[in-house]
Amino acid sequence: MRRLFILAMAGAGLAAATPAAAAVTIVGPTATTSSCTAFSFSIADSACAGGYTGNLLQGTLQDPGLAALQAFGYTGTGTYLASIGSISGTTLDFGTMLTGMTLIGFHYGAAGSGTEATSFFLFNAGSGTQTITVAGRAGTNSPFGLSNAALFSTGGAVPEPATWALMLLGFAGIGLAMRRRRRPLLAQVS
């Protein structure tokens, strides 16, 4: 038991000292255009499903948009919590405080780099922000062809890296303990 505690504490220290990866995970159905890596924002985006041809943020959200949201773990029906019908500039302001894990979709025009499309991004808004600014889009100039946006969820819990490390080490410790307990039983049977 003491060894497990020491391992858990060491893992928590390593997790806290390791910087978070800046890579964006691409999820969801196959996109028609590659846009997940084309955008940069004022806050970190951790996952993207995007490049779906056309404006999927009109009326009821259908596939591939709904399937893209579900790839993030979204369990809703695709109803917007808030939307911006016409984006002027590069700042997305839904008129509500964004906290924790936040899921946003936005539509953008060609703006000199391909066809119009819709993408969905998962952001870590932390303890709260009112706006998200699109800081850049590869191959375009401001305002990056932004058209409209929709907020699907906000306020999801953001686990600390040390919490994940402790949880994983705890599962490993339980597995090790269970394995050690089974060995004598197997020896008795044979």
Protein backbone atom coordinates (compact mmCIF):
# COMPACT_ATOMS: atom_id res chain seq x y z
CA MET A 1 0.00 0.00 0.00
CA ARG A 2 2.87 2.34 0.83
CA ARG A 3 4.40 1.68 -2.60
CA LEU A 4 1.14 2.62 -4.30
CA PHE A 5 1.01 5.88 -2.35
CA ILE A 6 4.61 6.74 -3.32
CA LEU A 7 3.90 5.88 -6.99
CA ALA A 8 0.74 8.01 -6.97
CA MET A 9 2.55 11.00 -5.49
CA ALA A 10 5.43 10.68 -7.98
CA GLY A 11 2.96 10.47 -10.88
CA ALA A 12 1.10 13.54 -9.63
CA GLY A 13 4.38 15.48 -9.46
CA LEU A 14 5.34 14.43 -13.00
CA ALA A 15 1.92 15.34 -14.36
CA ALA A 16 2.03 18.75 -12.73
CA ALA A 17 5.54 19.42 -14.07
CA THR A 18 4.78 18.27 -17.63
CA PRO A 19 3.44 21.06 -19.85
CA ALA A 20 0.10 20.39 -21.54
CA ALA A 21 0.29 19.41 -25.19
CA ALA A 22 -0.87 22.07 -27.62
CA ALA A 23 -1.97 19.53 -30.23
CA VAL A 24 -5.59 19.63 -31.38
CA THR A 25 -7.33 16.26 -31.52
CA ILE A 26 -9.40 15.84 -34.67
CA VAL A 27 -12.64 13.91 -34.08
CA GLY A 28 -15.90 13.22 -35.85
CA PRO A 29 -16.87 12.16 -39.34
CA THR A 30 -14.41 12.66 -42.18
CA ALA A 31 -14.32 16.30 -43.25
CA THR A 32 -14.64 17.50 -46.82
CA THR A 33 -12.03 20.24 -46.37
CA SER A 34 -9.17 20.37 -43.88
CA SER A 35 -9.78 23.27 -41.51
CA CYS A 36 -9.12 22.03 -37.99
CA THR A 37 -5.50 23.13 -38.05
CA ALA A 38 -6.13 26.28 -40.09
CA PHE A 39 -7.61 28.32 -37.20
CA SER A 40 -5.98 29.82 -34.11
CA PHE A 41 -7.88 31.34 -31.19
CA SER A 42 -7.37 33.57 -28.16
CA ILE A 43 -7.90 30.53 -25.89
CA ALA A 44 -6.75 26.96 -26.37
CA ASP A 45 -8.85 24.62 -28.47
CA SER A 46 -8.32 20.97 -27.59
CA ALA A 47 -10.37 19.17 -30.23
CA CYS A 48 -11.93 19.89 -33.60
CA ALA A 49 -14.38 18.29 -36.00
CA GLY A 50 -14.53 20.32 -39.10
CA GLY A 51 -14.41 21.29 -42.68
CA TYR A 52 -17.94 20.13 -43.49
CA THR A 53 -19.12 21.70 -46.74
CA GLY A 54 -21.84 24.32 -46.43
CA ASN A 55 -23.50 26.08 -43.52
CA LEU A 56 -24.64 23.42 -41.05
CA LEU A 57 -25.71 26.06 -38.52
CA GLN A 58 -29.01 26.95 -40.18
CA GLY A 59 -32.23 25.61 -38.68
CA THR A 60 -31.98 22.14 -37.13
CA LEU A 61 -28.47 20.71 -36.87
CA GLN A 62 -28.21 17.50 -38.87
CA ASP A 63 -25.41 15.11 -39.76
CA PRO A 64 -22.51 15.38 -40.21
CA GLY A 65 -22.81 18.25 -37.70
CA LEU A 66 -24.69 16.29 -35.03
CA ALA A 67 -22.37 13.29 -35.47
CA ALA A 68 -19.41 15.64 -35.07
CA LEU A 69 -20.81 16.96 -31.78
CA GLN A 70 -21.45 13.42 -30.57
CA ALA A 71 -17.80 12.58 -31.23
CA PHE A 72 -17.00 15.17 -28.51
CA GLY A 73 -19.32 13.31 -26.10
CA TYR A 74 -22.19 15.75 -26.65
CA THR A 75 -25.52 14.14 -25.72
CA GLY A 76 -27.92 16.93 -26.70
CA THR A 77 -30.13 17.22 -29.76
CA GLY A 78 -28.08 19.90 -31.50
CA THR A 79 -30.12 22.80 -30.12
CA TYR A 80 -28.06 25.98 -29.70
CA LEU A 81 -27.64 27.51 -26.26
CA ALA A 82 -26.91 30.78 -28.07
CA SER A 83 -26.04 31.83 -31.59
CA ILE A 84 -24.54 34.72 -33.50
CA GLY A 85 -26.40 35.24 -36.76
CA SER A 86 -23.84 37.51 -38.36
CA ILE A 87 -20.26 37.84 -37.18
CA SER A 88 -18.65 41.21 -37.65
CA GLY A 89 -14.92 41.11 -37.07
CA THR A 90 -13.13 38.23 -35.39
CA THR A 91 -14.67 38.12 -31.89
CA LEU A 92 -17.34 35.60 -30.90
CA ASP A 93 -19.54 36.96 -28.10
CA PHE A 94 -22.59 34.86 -27.24
CA GLY A 95 -23.72 37.20 -24.45
CA THR A 96 -23.06 34.54 -21.82
CA MET A 97 -20.11 33.56 -19.64
CA LEU A 98 -18.19 30.63 -21.11
CA THR A 99 -16.64 28.35 -18.49
CA GLY A 100 -14.86 25.00 -18.50
CA MET A 101 -15.15 22.81 -21.56
CA THR A 102 -17.08 24.76 -24.21
CA LEU A 103 -18.33 23.44 -27.55
CA ILE A 104 -18.80 25.93 -30.39
CA GLY A 105 -19.53 25.55 -34.09
CA PHE A 106 -18.98 28.22 -36.70
CA HIS A 107 -19.47 28.69 -40.40
CA TYR A 108 -16.96 30.51 -42.58
CA GLY A 109 -16.71 31.46 -46.20
CA ALA A 110 -13.90 30.81 -48.64
CA ALA A 111 -11.97 34.03 -47.81
CA GLY A 112 -9.38 33.11 -50.42
CA SER A 113 -8.59 29.60 -49.16
CA GLY A 114 -11.07 27.04 -50.41
CA THR A 115 -14.80 26.48 -50.08
CA GLU A 116 -17.23 27.56 -47.40
CA ALA A 117 -17.52 25.12 -44.53
CA THR A 118 -18.59 24.51 -40.91
CA SER A 119 -16.31 23.40 -38.06
CA PHE A 120 -16.88 22.50 -34.41
CA PHE A 121 -14.28 23.23 -31.72
CA LEU A 122 -13.92 22.18 -28.09
CA PHE A 123 -12.35 24.94 -25.97
CA ASN A 124 -11.15 25.07 -22.38
CA ALA A 125 -12.62 28.41 -21.26
CA GLY A 126 -11.20 27.88 -17.77
CA SER A 127 -12.84 29.84 -14.96
CA GLY A 128 -14.64 32.06 -17.45
CA THR A 129 -14.45 34.32 -20.44
CA GLN A 130 -17.10 36.34 -22.23
CA THR A 131 -15.56 36.11 -25.69
CA ILE A 132 -13.37 34.00 -27.94
CA THR A 133 -11.35 35.73 -30.62
CA VAL A 134 -10.31 34.06 -33.86
CA ALA A 135 -6.65 35.07 -33.91
CA GLY A 136 -5.86 33.68 -37.35
CA ARG A 137 -6.75 31.43 -40.24
CA ALA A 138 -4.02 29.99 -42.43
CA GLY A 139 -4.01 31.39 -45.95
CA THR A 140 -6.42 34.26 -45.29
CA ASN A 141 -6.45 37.84 -44.08
CA SER A 142 -8.75 39.29 -41.43
CA PRO A 143 -11.74 38.83 -40.91
CA PHE A 144 -11.09 35.21 -41.97
CA GLY A 145 -14.44 34.80 -43.75
CA LEU A 146 -16.43 34.20 -40.52
CA SER A 147 -20.18 34.08 -41.06
CA ASN A 148 -22.19 32.74 -38.10
CA ALA A 149 -21.58 30.74 -34.91
CA ALA A 150 -23.46 28.57 -32.42
CA LEU A 151 -22.74 27.69 -28.78
CA PHE A 152 -23.75 24.10 -27.97
CA SER A 153 -22.42 23.59 -24.44
CA THR A 154 -20.35 25.30 -21.77
CA GLY A 155 -19.48 24.63 -18.15
CA GLY A 156 -18.05 21.12 -18.50
CA ALA A 157 -15.60 20.09 -15.79
CA VAL A 158 -11.91 20.44 -16.57
CA PRO A 159 -9.89 17.78 -14.73
CA GLU A 160 -6.45 18.81 -13.49
CA PRO A 161 -3.49 16.82 -14.90
CA ALA A 162 -2.57 15.65 -11.41
CA THR A 163 -6.11 14.31 -10.94
CA TRP A 164 -5.82 12.24 -14.12
CA ALA A 165 -2.40 10.93 -13.04
CA LEU A 166 -3.66 9.91 -9.61
CA MET A 167 -6.72 8.23 -11.09
CA LEU A 168 -4.65 6.23 -13.60
CA LEU A 169 -2.15 5.21 -10.94
CA GLY A 170 -5.04 4.21 -8.68
CA PHE A 171 -6.50 1.95 -11.38
CA ALA A 172 -3.05 0.46 -11.99
CA GLY A 173 -2.66 -0.17 -8.25
CA ILE A 174 -6.07 -1.86 -8.03
CA GLY A 175 -5.22 -4.03 -11.03
CA LEU A 176 -1.87 -4.99 -9.49
CA ALA A 177 -3.50 -5.83 -6.16
CA MET A 178 -6.16 -7.96 -7.86
CA ARG A 179 -3.52 -9.77 -9.90
CA ARG A 180 -1.45 -10.56 -6.80
CA ARG A 181 -4.50 -11.92 -4.99
CA ARG A 182 -5.42 -14.26 -7.85
CA ARG A 183 -2.05 -15.95 -8.09
CA PRO A 184 -2.34 -17.95 -4.83
CA LEU A 185 -5.87 -19.06 -5.77
CA LEU A 186 -4.68 -20.32 -9.14
CA ALA A 187 -1.77 -22.16 -7.49
CA GLN A 188 -4.23 -23.93 -5.12
CA VAL A 189 -6.50 -25.03 -7.96
CA SER A 190 -3.70 -26.66 -10.01
